[in-house]
Amino acid sequence: MYKALFAALLATGLIAAPLPQLAPFAAAQTAAPAKTEAKTEAKPKKAPSAGQTAMRERQKKCGAEWKAAKAAGKIEKGQKWPQYWSACNKRLKAAN
């Protein structure tokens, strides 16, 4: 009996609860992505700087060396890409 009474009171409370507070929140959620999409489309991408371009070239060269050395089994045991990249990057910077 108490369960039925509690369920009836709960249902009445939920039906009578004011929902206008949720409506502006839902409208704001649907409107926000449209604004952010417009901003990202209007913003042109900057060209990479000379330093960024040089770093990318060094990373590609080191990546090719890493793959070749790994396939040949010349990588030291336990050495991972970050350690290899650090050493290779220093070597290539010194060569220029």
PDB file of N, CA and C in Angstrom:
ATOM      1  N   MET A   1       0.831  -1.181   0.000  1.00  0.00           N
ATOM      2  CA  MET A   1       0.000   0.000   0.000  1.00  0.00           C
ATOM      3  C   MET A   1       0.883   1.254   0.000  1.00  0.00           C
ATOM      4  N   TYR A   2       1.916   1.241   0.843  1.00  0.00           N
ATOM      5  CA  TYR A   2       2.794   2.405   0.901  1.00  0.00           C
ATOM      6  C   TYR A   2       3.554   2.584  -0.411  1.00  0.00           C
ATOM      7  N   LYS A   3       3.914   1.473  -1.040  1.00  0.00           N
ATOM      8  CA  LYS A   3       4.622   1.564  -2.313  1.00  0.00           C
ATOM      9  C   LYS A   3       3.756   2.229  -3.373  1.00  0.00           C
ATOM     10  N   ALA A   4       2.501   1.846  -3.430  1.00  0.00           N
ATOM     11  CA  ALA A   4       1.587   2.416  -4.414  1.00  0.00           C
ATOM     12  C   ALA A   4       1.367   3.898  -4.144  1.00  0.00           C
ATOM     13  N   LEU A   5       1.232   4.259  -2.874  1.00  0.00           N
ATOM     14  CA  LEU A   5       1.019   5.652  -2.501  1.00  0.00           C
ATOM     15  C   LEU A   5       2.267   6.482  -2.843  1.00  0.00           C
ATOM     16  N   PHE A   6       3.435   5.952  -2.534  1.00  0.00           N
ATOM     17  CA  PHE A   6       4.683   6.636  -2.852  1.00  0.00           C
ATOM     18  C   PHE A   6       4.851   6.817  -4.361  1.00  0.00           C
ATOM     19  N   ALA A   7       4.529   5.782  -5.123  1.00  0.00           N
ATOM     20  CA  ALA A   7       4.642   5.857  -6.580  1.00  0.00           C
ATOM     21  C   ALA A   7       3.685   6.895  -7.143  1.00  0.00           C
ATOM     22  N   ALA A   8       2.466   6.961  -6.593  1.00  0.00           N
ATOM     23  CA  ALA A   8       1.483   7.943  -7.061  1.00  0.00           C
ATOM     24  C   ALA A   8       1.952   9.363  -6.745  1.00  0.00           C
ATOM     25  N   LEU A   9       2.507   9.588  -5.547  1.00  0.00           N
ATOM     26  CA  LEU A   9       3.006  10.916  -5.183  1.00  0.00           C
ATOM     27  C   LEU A   9       4.209  11.317  -6.043  1.00  0.00           C
ATOM     28  N   LEU A  10       5.069  10.377  -6.288  1.00  0.00           N
ATOM     29  CA  LEU A  10       6.233  10.642  -7.119  1.00  0.00           C
ATOM     30  C   LEU A  10       5.825  10.994  -8.545  1.00  0.00           C
ATOM     31  N   ALA A  11       4.887  10.247  -9.093  1.00  0.00           N
ATOM     32  CA  ALA A  11       4.412  10.513 -10.452  1.00  0.00           C
ATOM     33  C   ALA A  11       3.736  11.874 -10.524  1.00  0.00           C
ATOM     34  N   THR A  12       2.944  12.222  -9.513  1.00  0.00           N
ATOM     35  CA  THR A  12       2.279  13.522  -9.492  1.00  0.00           C
ATOM     36  C   THR A  12       3.312  14.650  -9.421  1.00  0.00           C
ATOM     37  N   GLY A  13       4.314  14.456  -8.616  1.00  0.00           N
ATOM     38  CA  GLY A  13       5.354  15.467  -8.494  1.00  0.00           C
ATOM     39  C   GLY A  13       6.130  15.653  -9.786  1.00  0.00           C
ATOM     40  N   LEU A  14       6.400  14.559 -10.468  1.00  0.00           N
ATOM     41  CA  LEU A  14       7.139  14.662 -11.734  1.00  0.00           C
ATOM     42  C   LEU A  14       6.310  15.320 -12.823  1.00  0.00           C
ATOM     43  N   ILE A  15       5.028  15.025 -12.834  1.00  0.00           N
ATOM     44  CA  ILE A  15       4.156  15.627 -13.854  1.00  0.00           C
ATOM     45  C   ILE A  15       4.000  17.114 -13.597  1.00  0.00           C
ATOM     46  N   ALA A  16       3.891  17.501 -12.330  1.00  0.00           N
ATOM     47  CA  ALA A  16       3.661  18.899 -11.986  1.00  0.00           C
ATOM     48  C   ALA A  16       4.955  19.707 -11.959  1.00  0.00           C
ATOM     49  N   ALA A  17       6.101  19.076 -12.086  1.00  0.00           N
ATOM     50  CA  ALA A  17       7.381  19.786 -12.009  1.00  0.00           C
ATOM     51  C   ALA A  17       7.519  20.744 -13.185  1.00  0.00           C
ATOM     52  N   PRO A  18       7.997  21.933 -12.926  1.00  0.00           N
ATOM     53  CA  PRO A  18       8.158  22.902 -14.023  1.00  0.00           C
ATOM     54  C   PRO A  18       9.326  22.506 -14.925  1.00  0.00           C
ATOM     55  N   LEU A  19       9.082  22.451 -16.222  1.00  0.00           N
ATOM     56  CA  LEU A  19      10.108  22.084 -17.187  1.00  0.00           C
ATOM     57  C   LEU A  19      10.667  23.264 -17.971  1.00  0.00           C
ATOM     58  N   PRO A  20      10.165  24.482 -17.815  1.00  0.00           N
ATOM     59  CA  PRO A  20      10.743  25.585 -18.603  1.00  0.00           C
ATOM     60  C   PRO A  20      12.222  25.828 -18.331  1.00  0.00           C
ATOM     61  N   GLN A  21      12.748  25.391 -17.204  1.00  0.00           N
ATOM     62  CA  GLN A  21      14.165  25.593 -16.929  1.00  0.00           C
ATOM     63  C   GLN A  21      15.035  24.756 -17.867  1.00  0.00           C
ATOM     64  N   LEU A  22      14.535  23.624 -18.301  1.00  0.00           N
ATOM     65  CA  LEU A  22      15.304  22.760 -19.183  1.00  0.00           C
ATOM     66  C   LEU A  22      15.259  23.232 -20.633  1.00  0.00           C
ATOM     67  N   ALA A  23      14.211  23.905 -21.038  1.00  0.00           N
ATOM     68  CA  ALA A  23      14.053  24.320 -22.428  1.00  0.00           C
ATOM     69  C   ALA A  23      15.156  25.284 -22.875  1.00  0.00           C
ATOM     70  N   PRO A  24      15.484  26.353 -22.128  1.00  0.00           N
ATOM     71  CA  PRO A  24      16.566  27.233 -22.591  1.00  0.00           C
ATOM     72  C   PRO A  24      17.908  26.514 -22.656  1.00  0.00           C
ATOM     73  N   PHE A  25      18.130  25.578 -21.750  1.00  0.00           N
ATOM     74  CA  PHE A  25      19.377  24.827 -21.750  1.00  0.00           C
ATOM     75  C   PHE A  25      19.485  23.984 -23.019  1.00  0.00           C
ATOM     76  N   ALA A  26      18.398  23.318 -23.402  1.00  0.00           N
ATOM     77  CA  ALA A  26      18.406  22.490 -24.605  1.00  0.00           C
ATOM     78  C   ALA A  26      18.588  23.354 -25.854  1.00  0.00           C
ATOM     79  N   ALA A  27      17.963  24.526 -25.860  1.00  0.00           N
ATOM     80  CA  ALA A  27      18.106  25.417 -27.014  1.00  0.00           C
ATOM     81  C   ALA A  27      19.543  25.912 -27.126  1.00  0.00           C
ATOM     82  N   ALA A  28      20.174  26.179 -25.998  1.00  0.00           N
ATOM     83  CA  ALA A  28      21.557  26.643 -26.016  1.00  0.00           C
ATOM     84  C   ALA A  28      22.502  25.554 -26.514  1.00  0.00           C
ATOM     85  N   GLN A  29      22.201  24.308 -26.192  1.00  0.00           N
ATOM     86  CA  GLN A  29      23.054  23.211 -26.650  1.00  0.00           C
ATOM     87  C   GLN A  29      22.966  23.036 -28.152  1.00  0.00           C
ATOM     88  N   THR A  30      21.798  23.187 -28.729  1.00  0.00           N
ATOM     89  CA  THR A  30      21.670  23.002 -30.170  1.00  0.00           C
ATOM     90  C   THR A  30      22.208  24.205 -30.931  1.00  0.00           C
ATOM     91  N   ALA A  31      22.171  25.392 -30.347  1.00  0.00           N
ATOM     92  CA  ALA A  31      22.630  26.585 -31.044  1.00  0.00           C
ATOM     93  C   ALA A  31      24.147  26.724 -30.977  1.00  0.00           C
ATOM     94  N   ALA A  32      24.780  26.247 -29.930  1.00  0.00           N
ATOM     95  CA  ALA A  32      26.217  26.431 -29.747  1.00  0.00           C
ATOM     96  C   ALA A  32      27.071  25.757 -30.826  1.00  0.00           C
ATOM     97  N   PRO A  33      26.808  24.507 -31.216  1.00  0.00           N
ATOM     98  CA  PRO A  33      27.667  23.900 -32.234  1.00  0.00           C
ATOM     99  C   PRO A  33      27.633  24.634 -33.572  1.00  0.00           C
ATOM    100  N   ALA A  34      26.499  25.205 -33.925  1.00  0.00           N
ATOM    101  CA  ALA A  34      26.413  25.914 -35.193  1.00  0.00           C
ATOM    102  C   ALA A  34      27.338  27.121 -35.191  1.00  0.00           C
ATOM    103  N   LYS A  35      27.444  27.803 -34.055  1.00  0.00           N
ATOM    104  CA  LYS A  35      28.319  28.969 -33.970  1.00  0.00           C
ATOM    105  C   LYS A  35      29.785  28.559 -34.051  1.00  0.00           C
ATOM    106  N   THR A  36      30.147  27.477 -33.370  1.00  0.00           N
ATOM    107  CA  THR A  36      31.546  27.063 -33.380  1.00  0.00           C
ATOM    108  C   THR A  36      31.960  26.554 -34.750  1.00  0.00           C
ATOM    109  N   GLU A  37      31.043  25.894 -35.446  1.00  0.00           N
ATOM    110  CA  GLU A  37      31.368  25.417 -36.794  1.00  0.00           C
ATOM    111  C   GLU A  37      31.622  26.594 -37.728  1.00  0.00           C
ATOM    112  N   ALA A  38      30.829  27.651 -37.587  1.00  0.00           N
ATOM    113  CA  ALA A  38      31.001  28.812 -38.446  1.00  0.00           C
ATOM    114  C   ALA A  38      32.356  29.475 -38.171  1.00  0.00           C
ATOM    115  N   LYS A  39      32.770  29.502 -36.912  1.00  0.00           N
ATOM    116  CA  LYS A  39      34.055  30.111 -36.576  1.00  0.00           C
ATOM    117  C   LYS A  39      35.217  29.325 -37.163  1.00  0.00           C
ATOM    118  N   THR A  40      35.166  27.995 -37.084  1.00  0.00           N
ATOM    119  CA  THR A  40      36.277  27.196 -37.577  1.00  0.00           C
ATOM    120  C   THR A  40      36.366  27.247 -39.093  1.00  0.00           C
ATOM    121  N   GLU A  41      35.247  27.368 -39.759  1.00  0.00           N
ATOM    122  CA  GLU A  41      35.280  27.420 -41.218  1.00  0.00           C
ATOM    123  C   GLU A  41      35.810  28.765 -41.707  1.00  0.00           C
ATOM    124  N   ALA A  42      35.527  29.838 -40.992  1.00  0.00           N
ATOM    125  CA  ALA A  42      35.919  31.161 -41.424  1.00  0.00           C
ATOM    126  C   ALA A  42      37.401  31.428 -41.155  1.00  0.00           C
ATOM    127  N   LYS A  43      38.002  30.691 -40.246  1.00  0.00           N
ATOM    128  CA  LYS A  43      39.388  30.944 -39.850  1.00  0.00           C
ATOM    129  C   LYS A  43      40.347  30.234 -40.811  1.00  0.00           C
ATOM    130  N   PRO A  44      41.181  30.969 -41.531  1.00  0.00           N
ATOM    131  CA  PRO A  44      42.146  30.306 -42.427  1.00  0.00           C
ATOM    132  C   PRO A  44      43.304  29.718 -41.623  1.00  0.00           C
ATOM    133  N   LYS A  45      43.858  28.640 -42.132  1.00  0.00           N
ATOM    134  CA  LYS A  45      44.994  28.003 -41.460  1.00  0.00           C
ATOM    135  C   LYS A  45      46.273  28.766 -41.775  1.00  0.00           C
ATOM    136  N   LYS A  46      47.106  28.868 -40.744  1.00  0.00           N
ATOM    137  CA  LYS A  46      48.397  29.524 -40.934  1.00  0.00           C
ATOM    138  C   LYS A  46      49.371  28.524 -41.549  1.00  0.00           C
ATOM    139  N   ALA A  47      50.228  29.033 -42.378  1.00  0.00           N
ATOM    140  CA  ALA A  47      51.278  28.199 -42.961  1.00  0.00           C
ATOM    141  C   ALA A  47      52.306  27.885 -41.875  1.00  0.00           C
ATOM    142  N   PRO A  48      52.875  26.678 -41.886  1.00  0.00           N
ATOM    143  CA  PRO A  48      53.886  26.353 -40.869  1.00  0.00           C
ATOM    144  C   PRO A  48      55.130  27.222 -41.046  1.00  0.00           C
ATOM    145  N   SER A  49      55.757  27.509 -39.930  1.00  0.00           N
ATOM    146  CA  SER A  49      56.972  28.327 -39.973  1.00  0.00           C
ATOM    147  C   SER A  49      58.127  27.501 -40.555  1.00  0.00           C
ATOM    148  N   ALA A  50      59.238  28.164 -40.805  1.00  0.00           N
ATOM    149  CA  ALA A  50      60.412  27.479 -41.357  1.00  0.00           C
ATOM    150  C   ALA A  50      60.934  26.433 -40.378  1.00  0.00           C
ATOM    151  N   GLY A  51      60.895  26.753 -39.085  1.00  0.00           N
ATOM    152  CA  GLY A  51      61.347  25.804 -38.062  1.00  0.00           C
ATOM    153  C   GLY A  51      60.462  24.570 -37.994  1.00  0.00           C
ATOM    154  N   GLN A  52      59.135  24.779 -38.110  1.00  0.00           N
ATOM    155  CA  GLN A  52      58.211  23.647 -38.092  1.00  0.00           C
ATOM    156  C   GLN A  52      58.408  22.757 -39.310  1.00  0.00           C
ATOM    157  N   THR A  53      58.612  23.379 -40.460  1.00  0.00           N
ATOM    158  CA  THR A  53      58.839  22.614 -41.681  1.00  0.00           C
ATOM    159  C   THR A  53      60.124  21.794 -41.574  1.00  0.00           C
ATOM    160  N   ALA A  54      61.183  22.399 -41.038  1.00  0.00           N
ATOM    161  CA  ALA A  54      62.454  21.684 -40.876  1.00  0.00           C
ATOM    162  C   ALA A  54      62.301  20.525 -39.893  1.00  0.00           C
ATOM    163  N   MET A  55      61.550  20.746 -38.812  1.00  0.00           N
ATOM    164  CA  MET A  55      61.337  19.684 -37.824  1.00  0.00           C
ATOM    165  C   MET A  55      60.568  18.519 -38.442  1.00  0.00           C
ATOM    166  N   ARG A  56      59.571  18.824 -39.242  1.00  0.00           N
ATOM    167  CA  ARG A  56      58.792  17.761 -39.893  1.00  0.00           C
ATOM    168  C   ARG A  56      59.655  16.955 -40.856  1.00  0.00           C
ATOM    169  N   GLU A  57      60.540  17.636 -41.576  1.00  0.00           N
ATOM    170  CA  GLU A  57      61.436  16.937 -42.495  1.00  0.00           C
ATOM    171  C   GLU A  57      62.388  16.016 -41.728  1.00  0.00           C
ATOM    172  N   ARG A  58      62.947  16.524 -40.625  1.00  0.00           N
ATOM    173  CA  ARG A  58      63.829  15.690 -39.789  1.00  0.00           C
ATOM    174  C   ARG A  58      63.069  14.499 -39.223  1.00  0.00           C
ATOM    175  N   GLN A  59      61.823  14.721 -38.819  1.00  0.00           N
ATOM    176  CA  GLN A  59      61.032  13.627 -38.251  1.00  0.00           C
ATOM    177  C   GLN A  59      60.757  12.560 -39.309  1.00  0.00           C
ATOM    178  N   LYS A  60      60.481  12.964 -40.525  1.00  0.00           N
ATOM    179  CA  LYS A  60      60.246  11.991 -41.600  1.00  0.00           C
ATOM    180  C   LYS A  60      61.518  11.198 -41.905  1.00  0.00           C
ATOM    181  N   LYS A  61      62.673  11.896 -41.943  1.00  0.00           N
ATOM    182  CA  LYS A  61      63.941  11.207 -42.196  1.00  0.00           C
ATOM    183  C   LYS A  61      64.244  10.219 -41.081  1.00  0.00           C
ATOM    184  N   CYS A  62      64.052  10.655 -39.833  1.00  0.00           N
ATOM    185  CA  CYS A  62      64.319   9.764 -38.694  1.00  0.00           C
ATOM    186  C   CYS A  62      63.342   8.595 -38.678  1.00  0.00           C
ATOM    187  N   GLY A  63      62.111   8.848 -39.073  1.00  0.00           N
ATOM    188  CA  GLY A  63      61.120   7.779 -39.128  1.00  0.00           C
ATOM    189  C   GLY A  63      61.498   6.719 -40.147  1.00  0.00           C
ATOM    190  N   ALA A  64      61.989   7.161 -41.303  1.00  0.00           N
ATOM    191  CA  ALA A  64      62.428   6.214 -42.326  1.00  0.00           C
ATOM    192  C   ALA A  64      63.639   5.419 -41.838  1.00  0.00           C
ATOM    193  N   GLU A  65      64.577   6.114 -41.171  1.00  0.00           N
ATOM    194  CA  GLU A  65      65.751   5.413 -40.619  1.00  0.00           C
ATOM    195  C   GLU A  65      65.329   4.404 -39.551  1.00  0.00           C
ATOM    196  N   TRP A  66      64.383   4.802 -38.697  1.00  0.00           N
ATOM    197  CA  TRP A  66      63.889   3.926 -37.621  1.00  0.00           C
ATOM    198  C   TRP A  66      63.289   2.645 -38.212  1.00  0.00           C
ATOM    199  N   LYS A  67      62.459   2.805 -39.230  1.00  0.00           N
ATOM    200  CA  LYS A  67      61.821   1.633 -39.845  1.00  0.00           C
ATOM    201  C   LYS A  67      62.853   0.706 -40.465  1.00  0.00           C
ATOM    202  N   ALA A  68      63.831   1.299 -41.173  1.00  0.00           N
ATOM    203  CA  ALA A  68      64.864   0.487 -41.814  1.00  0.00           C
ATOM    204  C   ALA A  68      65.724  -0.226 -40.768  1.00  0.00           C
ATOM    205  N   ALA A  69      66.120   0.484 -39.727  1.00  0.00           N
ATOM    206  CA  ALA A  69      66.967  -0.117 -38.694  1.00  0.00           C
ATOM    207  C   ALA A  69      66.206  -1.181 -37.905  1.00  0.00           C
ATOM    208  N   LYS A  70      64.935  -0.934 -37.674  1.00  0.00           N
ATOM    209  CA  LYS A  70      64.126  -1.905 -36.930  1.00  0.00           C
ATOM    210  C   LYS A  70      63.934  -3.183 -37.758  1.00  0.00           C
ATOM    211  N   ALA A  71      63.708  -3.017 -39.057  1.00  0.00           N
ATOM    212  CA  ALA A  71      63.543  -4.184 -39.927  1.00  0.00           C
ATOM    213  C   ALA A  71      64.836  -4.983 -40.023  1.00  0.00           C
ATOM    214  N   ALA A  72      65.980  -4.284 -39.972  1.00  0.00           N
ATOM    215  CA  ALA A  72      67.281  -4.947 -40.063  1.00  0.00           C
ATOM    216  C   ALA A  72      67.738  -5.497 -38.713  1.00  0.00           C
ATOM    217  N   GLY A  73      67.013  -5.161 -37.639  1.00  0.00           N
ATOM    218  CA  GLY A  73      67.375  -5.644 -36.316  1.00  0.00           C
ATOM    219  C   GLY A  73      68.544  -4.904 -35.702  1.00  0.00           C
ATOM    220  N   LYS A  74      68.764  -3.652 -36.104  1.00  0.00           N
ATOM    221  CA  LYS A  74      69.903  -2.882 -35.612  1.00  0.00           C
ATOM    222  C   LYS A  74      69.553  -1.962 -34.440  1.00  0.00           C
ATOM    223  N   ILE A  75      68.318  -2.002 -33.996  1.00  0.00           N
ATOM    224  CA  ILE A  75      67.892  -1.166 -32.871  1.00  0.00           C
ATOM    225  C   ILE A  75      68.331  -1.833 -31.571  1.00  0.00           C
ATOM    226  N   GLU A  76      68.886  -1.021 -30.655  1.00  0.00           N
ATOM    227  CA  GLU A  76      69.315  -1.559 -29.370  1.00  0.00           C
ATOM    228  C   GLU A  76      68.112  -2.133 -28.624  1.00  0.00           C
ATOM    229  N   LYS A  77      68.349  -3.173 -27.857  1.00  0.00           N
ATOM    230  CA  LYS A  77      67.267  -3.818 -27.119  1.00  0.00           C
ATOM    231  C   LYS A  77      66.696  -2.841 -26.097  1.00  0.00           C
ATOM    232  N   GLY A  78      65.387  -2.687 -26.097  1.00  0.00           N
ATOM    233  CA  GLY A  78      64.709  -1.803 -25.158  1.00  0.00           C
ATOM    234  C   GLY A  78      64.551  -0.377 -25.648  1.00  0.00           C
ATOM    235  N   GLN A  79      65.206  -0.013 -26.751  1.00  0.00           N
ATOM    236  CA  GLN A  79      65.089   1.351 -27.256  1.00  0.00           C
ATOM    237  C   GLN A  79      63.754   1.503 -27.968  1.00  0.00           C
ATOM    238  N   LYS A  80      63.097   2.604 -27.671  1.00  0.00           N
ATOM    239  CA  LYS A  80      61.813   2.888 -28.297  1.00  0.00           C
ATOM    240  C   LYS A  80      61.951   4.142 -29.150  1.00  0.00           C
ATOM    241  N   TRP A  81      60.879   4.452 -29.900  1.00  0.00           N
ATOM    242  CA  TRP A  81      60.902   5.566 -30.833  1.00  0.00           C
ATOM    243  C   TRP A  81      61.296   6.895 -30.183  1.00  0.00           C
ATOM    244  N   PRO A  82      60.757   7.277 -29.014  1.00  0.00           N
ATOM    245  CA  PRO A  82      61.144   8.593 -28.473  1.00  0.00           C
ATOM    246  C   PRO A  82      62.649   8.744 -28.247  1.00  0.00           C
ATOM    247  N   GLN A  83      63.301   7.699 -27.762  1.00  0.00           N
ATOM    248  CA  GLN A  83      64.743   7.782 -27.548  1.00  0.00           C
ATOM    249  C   GLN A  83      65.484   7.876 -28.889  1.00  0.00           C
ATOM    250  N   TYR A  84      65.040   7.086 -29.854  1.00  0.00           N
ATOM    251  CA  TYR A  84      65.657   7.110 -31.180  1.00  0.00           C
ATOM    252  C   TYR A  84      65.461   8.482 -31.824  1.00  0.00           C
ATOM    253  N   TRP A  85      64.239   9.016 -31.716  1.00  0.00           N
ATOM    254  CA  TRP A  85      63.920  10.316 -32.308  1.00  0.00           C
ATOM    255  C   TRP A  85      64.790  11.407 -31.697  1.00  0.00           C
ATOM    256  N   SER A  86      64.989  11.368 -30.392  1.00  0.00           N
ATOM    257  CA  SER A  86      65.798  12.375 -29.724  1.00  0.00           C
ATOM    258  C   SER A  86      67.240  12.356 -30.257  1.00  0.00           C
ATOM    259  N   ALA A  87      67.833  11.185 -30.319  1.00  0.00           N
ATOM    260  CA  ALA A  87      69.206  11.060 -30.793  1.00  0.00           C
ATOM    261  C   ALA A  87      69.327  11.433 -32.273  1.00  0.00           C
ATOM    262  N   CYS A  88      68.399  10.972 -33.068  1.00  0.00           N
ATOM    263  CA  CYS A  88      68.426  11.246 -34.513  1.00  0.00           C
ATOM    264  C   CYS A  88      68.217  12.726 -34.776  1.00  0.00           C
ATOM    265  N   ASN A  89      67.309  13.340 -34.055  1.00  0.00           N
ATOM    266  CA  ASN A  89      67.030  14.763 -34.223  1.00  0.00           C
ATOM    267  C   ASN A  89      68.269  15.599 -33.897  1.00  0.00           C
ATOM    268  N   LYS A  90      68.964  15.264 -32.820  1.00  0.00           N
ATOM    269  CA  LYS A  90      70.187  15.987 -32.464  1.00  0.00           C
ATOM    270  C   LYS A  90      71.248  15.800 -33.535  1.00  0.00           C
ATOM    271  N   ARG A  91      71.354  14.589 -34.048  1.00  0.00           N
ATOM    272  CA  ARG A  91      72.359  14.309 -35.077  1.00  0.00           C
ATOM    273  C   ARG A  91      72.058  15.106 -36.355  1.00  0.00           C
ATOM    274  N   LEU A  92      70.814  15.137 -36.779  1.00  0.00           N
ATOM    275  CA  LEU A  92      70.451  15.854 -37.994  1.00  0.00           C
ATOM    276  C   LEU A  92      70.579  17.368 -37.822  1.00  0.00           C
ATOM    277  N   LYS A  93      70.257  17.874 -36.629  1.00  0.00           N
ATOM    278  CA  LYS A  93      70.419  19.314 -36.375  1.00  0.00           C
ATOM    279  C   LYS A  93      71.897  19.696 -36.435  1.00  0.00           C
ATOM    280  N   ALA A  94      72.737  18.854 -35.882  1.00  0.00           N
ATOM    281  CA  ALA A  94      74.177  19.132 -35.883  1.00  0.00           C
ATOM    282  C   ALA A  94      74.754  19.091 -37.299  1.00  0.00           C
ATOM    283  N   ALA A  95      74.181  18.267 -38.162  1.00  0.00           N
ATOM    284  CA  ALA A  95      74.670  18.137 -39.533  1.00  0.00           C
ATOM    285  C   ALA A  95      74.366  19.390 -40.354  1.00  0.00           C
ATOM    286  N   ASN A  96      73.329  20.118 -39.982  1.00  0.00           N
ATOM    287  CA  ASN A  96      72.953  21.331 -40.750  1.00  0.00           C
ATOM    288  C   ASN A  96      73.693  22.491 -40.269  1.00  0.00           C
TER     289      ASN A  96
END
